[in-house]
Amino acid sequence: MSASPPEENDRVPPFVAAARIRTVLVGTQHPGNIGSAARALKTMGLSRLALVAPERFPHADADALAAGAGDLLAAATRHAGLAEAVADCHLVLGCTARSRRIALPEQSPRQAAAAALAAAAQGQEVALVFGRERTGLDNDELQLCHAAVHIPANPGYGSLNLAAAVQVLAYELRMAWLAGLAAPAAAAPVAAPASHAQLEGLFAQLAQTLEAIDFHKGRAPESALRKLRRLFLRCGLDAREVRLLRGVLADAQRMARLAGERAGPLS
């Protein structure tokens, strides 16, 4: 099926926000799915593709199924892990089936598209993350996401092909962009939002500080850290707020060290 005729597309201004939205495929097993995903993106005006540890790429099957989107494959970035692929992102949306394993805010594709476009319009980097064909995203990867995107497929048969899922999100992004062409431009943010790498630095320092002040009292720290991570992600911290919080944590760590020195060794 072909897209709209060229004369119609010529009247549409460039999809500028697309330059700040990347699609990240994690651990893709079948190279043909990478090519089909590239085709799905290009038909909707998206061009940024990042591949995290693909099993087979480059591959002839990817080239064949890209069907004219080989430029996206050629420009695709490759990464060893998801954290590296989204390090500079301010909004990370993980596309996944419903799951109770990780307590993430859940969005529909339409809601996710609106959030992604709003962030991109403010100059933020956005990532749409898709997991492996059979197992999706694992718990550690979901922890790196701000929200989970769930496609409301047939509950009796919800097995979507990876490229089909990419097409759904890409279509919603384009439709949201077309609907907003007549809307006034959003005001620039007062302060730059915190990047994924900045937030991960905060979370690492928070974990160290809680350990230093014996917050966990011998309990396993994972549950509390997950809840605190979700709390801070919901707040939408900007870069200055992250620096402020890290300053508070640094002082708490310093006071914990001083208290330990004053107490001296146990007799």
Protein backbone atom coordinates (compact mmCIF):
# COMPACT_ATOMS: atom_id res chain seq x y z
CA MET A 1 0.00 0.00 0.00
CA SER A 2 1.43 3.37 -0.99
CA ALA A 3 1.48 6.52 1.11
CA SER A 4 -0.20 9.81 0.19
CA PRO A 5 0.58 11.12 -3.33
CA PRO A 6 3.66 13.35 -3.70
CA GLU A 7 1.62 16.48 -4.43
CA GLU A 8 -0.16 16.15 -1.06
CA ASN A 9 3.06 15.50 0.85
CA ASP A 10 4.71 18.51 -0.83
CA ARG A 11 2.26 20.80 0.94
CA VAL A 12 3.24 19.50 4.39
CA PRO A 13 6.12 21.33 6.13
CA PRO A 14 9.14 19.32 7.33
CA PHE A 15 8.63 17.12 10.39
CA VAL A 16 11.28 19.02 12.37
CA ALA A 17 10.55 17.39 15.74
CA ALA A 18 11.41 13.99 14.25
CA ALA A 19 15.09 14.93 14.43
CA ARG A 20 14.89 14.65 18.23
CA ILE A 21 12.96 11.35 18.37
CA ARG A 22 14.88 8.09 18.06
CA THR A 23 13.55 4.55 17.86
CA VAL A 24 15.63 2.06 19.84
CA LEU A 25 15.44 -1.67 19.07
CA VAL A 26 16.87 -3.83 21.84
CA GLY A 27 18.32 -7.28 21.16
CA THR A 28 16.48 -7.77 17.86
CA GLN A 29 16.79 -11.41 16.84
CA HIS A 30 15.60 -11.36 13.22
CA PRO A 31 17.42 -8.91 10.91
CA GLY A 32 14.37 -8.65 8.67
CA ASN A 33 12.52 -6.96 11.52
CA ILE A 34 15.18 -4.25 11.62
CA GLY A 35 14.68 -3.57 7.92
CA SER A 36 10.88 -3.57 8.24
CA ALA A 37 11.08 -1.22 11.22
CA ALA A 38 13.26 1.17 9.21
CA ARG A 39 10.66 1.15 6.43
CA ALA A 40 7.86 1.80 8.96
CA LEU A 41 9.74 4.79 10.36
CA LYS A 42 10.60 6.35 7.01
CA THR A 43 7.00 6.19 5.75
CA MET A 44 5.98 8.34 8.74
CA GLY A 45 8.81 10.85 8.39
CA LEU A 46 11.03 9.48 11.16
CA SER A 47 14.68 8.79 10.49
CA ARG A 48 16.62 8.01 13.68
CA LEU A 49 17.25 4.36 14.48
CA ALA A 50 19.41 2.97 17.29
CA LEU A 51 20.23 -0.72 17.66
CA VAL A 52 21.18 -2.27 21.00
CA ALA A 53 23.07 -5.55 20.66
CA PRO A 54 21.25 -6.89 17.57
CA GLU A 55 21.90 -10.59 17.02
CA ARG A 56 22.58 -10.24 13.27
CA PHE A 57 23.27 -6.88 11.69
CA PRO A 58 24.22 -5.81 9.07
CA HIS A 59 22.37 -8.51 7.14
CA ALA A 60 20.93 -9.02 3.66
CA ASP A 61 17.43 -9.64 5.10
CA ALA A 62 17.47 -6.23 6.77
CA ASP A 63 18.48 -4.57 3.50
CA ALA A 64 15.80 -6.42 1.52
CA LEU A 65 12.92 -5.60 3.86
CA ALA A 66 13.95 -1.97 4.31
CA ALA A 67 12.55 -1.44 0.78
CA GLY A 68 13.97 2.00 0.13
CA ALA A 69 14.82 2.85 3.74
CA GLY A 70 18.40 1.64 3.48
CA ASP A 71 19.60 5.12 4.42
CA LEU A 72 18.12 4.62 7.90
CA LEU A 73 19.98 1.33 8.25
CA ALA A 74 23.23 2.93 7.12
CA ALA A 75 22.84 5.76 9.64
CA ALA A 76 21.66 3.55 12.52
CA THR A 77 23.79 3.77 15.65
CA ARG A 78 24.83 0.61 17.50
CA HIS A 79 25.18 0.28 21.26
CA ALA A 80 26.22 -2.38 23.74
CA GLY A 81 23.40 -1.58 26.17
CA LEU A 82 20.21 0.44 26.49
CA ALA A 83 21.67 2.88 29.04
CA GLU A 84 24.28 3.91 26.49
CA ALA A 85 21.68 4.30 23.73
CA VAL A 86 19.51 6.69 25.77
CA ALA A 87 22.17 8.44 27.86
CA ASP A 88 21.39 11.89 26.41
CA CYS A 89 17.61 11.43 26.38
CA HIS A 90 15.18 13.37 28.55
CA LEU A 91 12.16 11.14 27.89
CA VAL A 92 12.39 7.36 27.45
CA LEU A 93 9.22 5.43 26.61
CA GLY A 94 9.35 1.63 26.70
CA CYS A 95 6.92 -0.26 24.48
CA THR A 96 5.88 -3.42 26.29
CA ALA A 97 3.01 -5.76 27.06
CA ARG A 98 1.16 -5.14 30.32
CA SER A 99 3.32 -6.19 33.24
CA ARG A 100 3.20 -5.97 37.01
CA ARG A 101 6.93 -6.58 37.34
CA ILE A 102 7.84 -2.89 37.27
CA ALA A 103 5.50 -0.16 38.50
CA LEU A 104 5.64 2.23 35.54
CA PRO A 105 3.07 4.81 34.49
CA GLU A 106 1.26 3.39 31.47
CA GLN A 107 0.40 5.26 28.29
CA SER A 108 -1.47 4.42 25.11
CA PRO A 109 0.35 4.94 21.80
CA ARG A 110 -1.63 8.16 21.30
CA GLN A 111 -0.68 9.49 24.73
CA ALA A 112 2.94 8.50 24.20
CA ALA A 113 3.02 10.27 20.83
CA ALA A 114 1.66 13.46 22.37
CA ALA A 115 4.21 13.33 25.20
CA ALA A 116 7.07 12.60 22.80
CA LEU A 117 6.16 15.49 20.49
CA ALA A 118 5.74 17.91 23.38
CA ALA A 119 9.18 17.01 24.70
CA ALA A 120 10.80 17.19 21.25
CA ALA A 121 9.19 20.58 20.61
CA GLN A 122 11.01 21.87 23.71
CA GLY A 123 14.35 20.67 22.38
CA GLN A 124 14.45 17.47 24.41
CA GLU A 125 15.81 14.16 23.15
CA VAL A 126 13.21 11.36 23.12
CA ALA A 127 13.58 7.59 22.80
CA LEU A 128 10.91 5.04 21.90
CA VAL A 129 12.25 1.67 23.02
CA PHE A 130 11.17 -1.73 21.68
CA GLY A 131 12.33 -5.03 23.15
CA ARG A 132 13.13 -8.48 21.82
CA GLU A 133 10.64 -10.32 19.65
CA ARG A 134 10.06 -13.15 22.14
CA THR A 135 10.73 -11.67 25.56
CA GLY A 136 10.50 -7.89 25.19
CA LEU A 137 12.38 -5.61 27.59
CA ASP A 138 13.80 -7.09 30.78
CA ASN A 139 13.33 -5.55 34.24
CA ASP A 140 16.62 -3.65 34.21
CA GLU A 141 15.77 -2.12 30.83
CA LEU A 142 12.26 -1.15 31.96
CA GLN A 143 13.82 0.60 34.96
CA LEU A 144 15.47 3.00 32.51
CA CYS A 145 12.10 4.10 31.08
CA HIS A 146 9.91 6.95 32.29
CA ALA A 147 6.70 5.22 31.18
CA ALA A 148 5.45 2.02 29.54
CA VAL A 149 3.55 2.17 26.27
CA HIS A 150 0.94 -0.54 25.75
CA ILE A 151 -0.77 -1.16 22.40
CA PRO A 152 -4.36 -2.24 23.17
CA ALA A 153 -4.37 -5.27 20.89
CA ASN A 154 -6.87 -8.15 20.88
CA PRO A 155 -6.53 -9.72 24.37
CA GLY A 156 -7.18 -13.12 22.82
CA TYR A 157 -4.30 -12.72 20.38
CA GLY A 158 -2.02 -9.80 21.15
CA SER A 159 1.09 -11.05 19.37
CA LEU A 160 2.26 -8.04 17.35
CA ASN A 161 5.25 -8.29 15.05
CA LEU A 162 8.05 -5.95 16.13
CA ALA A 163 7.89 -3.87 12.94
CA ALA A 164 4.08 -3.66 13.25
CA ALA A 165 4.44 -2.24 16.76
CA VAL A 166 6.97 0.29 15.46
CA GLN A 167 4.51 1.24 12.71
CA VAL A 168 1.71 1.86 15.24
CA LEU A 169 3.85 4.26 17.27
CA ALA A 170 5.29 5.96 14.18
CA TYR A 171 1.78 6.49 12.78
CA GLU A 172 0.53 8.00 16.05
CA LEU A 173 3.53 10.33 16.11
CA ARG A 174 2.82 11.55 12.61
CA MET A 175 -0.90 12.01 13.24
CA ALA A 176 -0.22 13.94 16.45
CA TRP A 177 2.24 16.15 14.58
CA LEU A 178 -0.18 16.81 11.71
CA ALA A 179 -2.95 17.64 14.19
CA GLY A 180 -0.72 20.16 15.93
CA LEU A 181 0.58 22.02 12.87
CA ALA A 182 -1.86 24.88 13.40
CA ALA A 183 -1.19 25.11 17.14
CA PRO A 184 1.11 27.86 18.48
CA ALA A 185 4.66 26.83 19.26
CA ALA A 186 5.29 25.81 22.84
CA ALA A 187 7.31 28.17 25.01
CA ALA A 188 10.90 27.18 25.62
CA PRO A 189 11.53 25.62 29.04
CA VAL A 190 13.01 27.88 31.71
CA ALA A 191 15.75 25.37 32.48
CA ALA A 192 17.16 22.45 30.52
CA PRO A 193 15.54 19.17 31.55
CA ALA A 194 17.76 16.55 33.11
CA SER A 195 19.17 14.02 30.69
CA HIS A 196 19.00 10.29 31.29
CA ALA A 197 22.70 10.24 32.20
CA GLN A 198 22.22 13.05 34.74
CA LEU A 199 19.33 11.21 36.37
CA GLU A 200 21.29 7.97 36.51
CA GLY A 201 24.10 9.86 38.25
CA LEU A 202 21.58 11.13 40.80
CA PHE A 203 20.18 7.65 41.40
CA ALA A 204 23.66 6.18 41.87
CA GLN A 205 24.58 8.88 44.40
CA LEU A 206 21.23 8.41 46.16
CA ALA A 207 21.93 4.68 46.55
CA GLN A 208 25.38 5.43 47.99
CA THR A 209 23.97 8.01 50.41
CA LEU A 210 21.22 5.75 51.71
CA GLU A 211 23.86 3.10 52.35
CA ALA A 212 26.10 5.63 54.13
CA ILE A 213 23.35 6.74 56.53
CA ASP A 214 22.19 3.14 57.10
CA PHE A 215 18.72 3.95 55.80
CA HIS A 216 17.92 0.33 54.93
CA LYS A 217 18.71 -1.05 58.41
CA GLY A 218 19.79 -4.39 57.00
CA ARG A 219 16.85 -4.68 54.59
CA ALA A 220 17.38 -5.29 50.87
CA PRO A 221 17.68 -1.86 49.19
CA GLU A 222 16.13 -2.72 45.81
CA SER A 223 12.48 -2.05 46.68
CA ALA A 224 13.11 1.38 48.22
CA LEU A 225 15.40 2.40 45.38
CA ARG A 226 12.81 1.41 42.76
CA LYS A 227 10.14 3.49 44.52
CA LEU A 228 12.44 6.50 44.85
CA ARG A 229 13.42 6.22 41.19
CA ARG A 230 9.76 6.27 40.16
CA LEU A 231 9.10 9.26 42.43
CA PHE A 232 11.90 11.35 40.93
CA LEU A 233 11.01 10.37 37.37
CA ARG A 234 7.41 11.50 37.94
CA CYS A 235 8.70 14.89 39.09
CA GLY A 236 10.30 15.67 35.73
CA LEU A 237 13.44 17.18 37.26
CA ASP A 238 15.43 19.71 35.29
CA ALA A 239 19.22 19.86 35.24
CA ARG A 240 19.45 22.53 37.96
CA GLU A 241 17.20 20.55 40.29
CA VAL A 242 19.37 17.46 39.82
CA ARG A 243 22.46 19.49 40.72
CA LEU A 244 20.69 20.81 43.83
CA LEU A 245 19.67 17.33 44.97
CA ARG A 246 23.16 15.98 44.36
CA GLY A 247 24.55 18.80 46.49
CA VAL A 248 22.20 17.83 49.32
CA LEU A 249 23.26 14.19 48.99
CA ALA A 250 26.95 15.16 48.99
CA ASP A 251 26.45 17.03 52.27
CA ALA A 252 24.61 14.05 53.75
CA GLN A 253 27.50 11.78 52.74
CA ARG A 254 30.00 14.19 54.29
CA MET A 255 28.06 14.33 57.56
CA ALA A 256 27.85 10.54 57.64
CA ARG A 257 31.63 10.30 57.24
CA LEU A 258 32.20 12.83 60.03
CA ALA A 259 29.82 10.97 62.33
CA GLY A 260 31.69 7.75 61.64
CA GLU A 261 35.05 9.37 62.39
CA ARG A 262 33.79 10.83 65.67
CA ALA A 263 32.36 7.52 66.78
CA GLY A 264 35.72 5.84 66.19
CA PRO A 265 36.32 2.10 65.82
CA LEU A 266 34.15 -0.30 67.78
CA SER A 267 35.95 -1.79 70.80
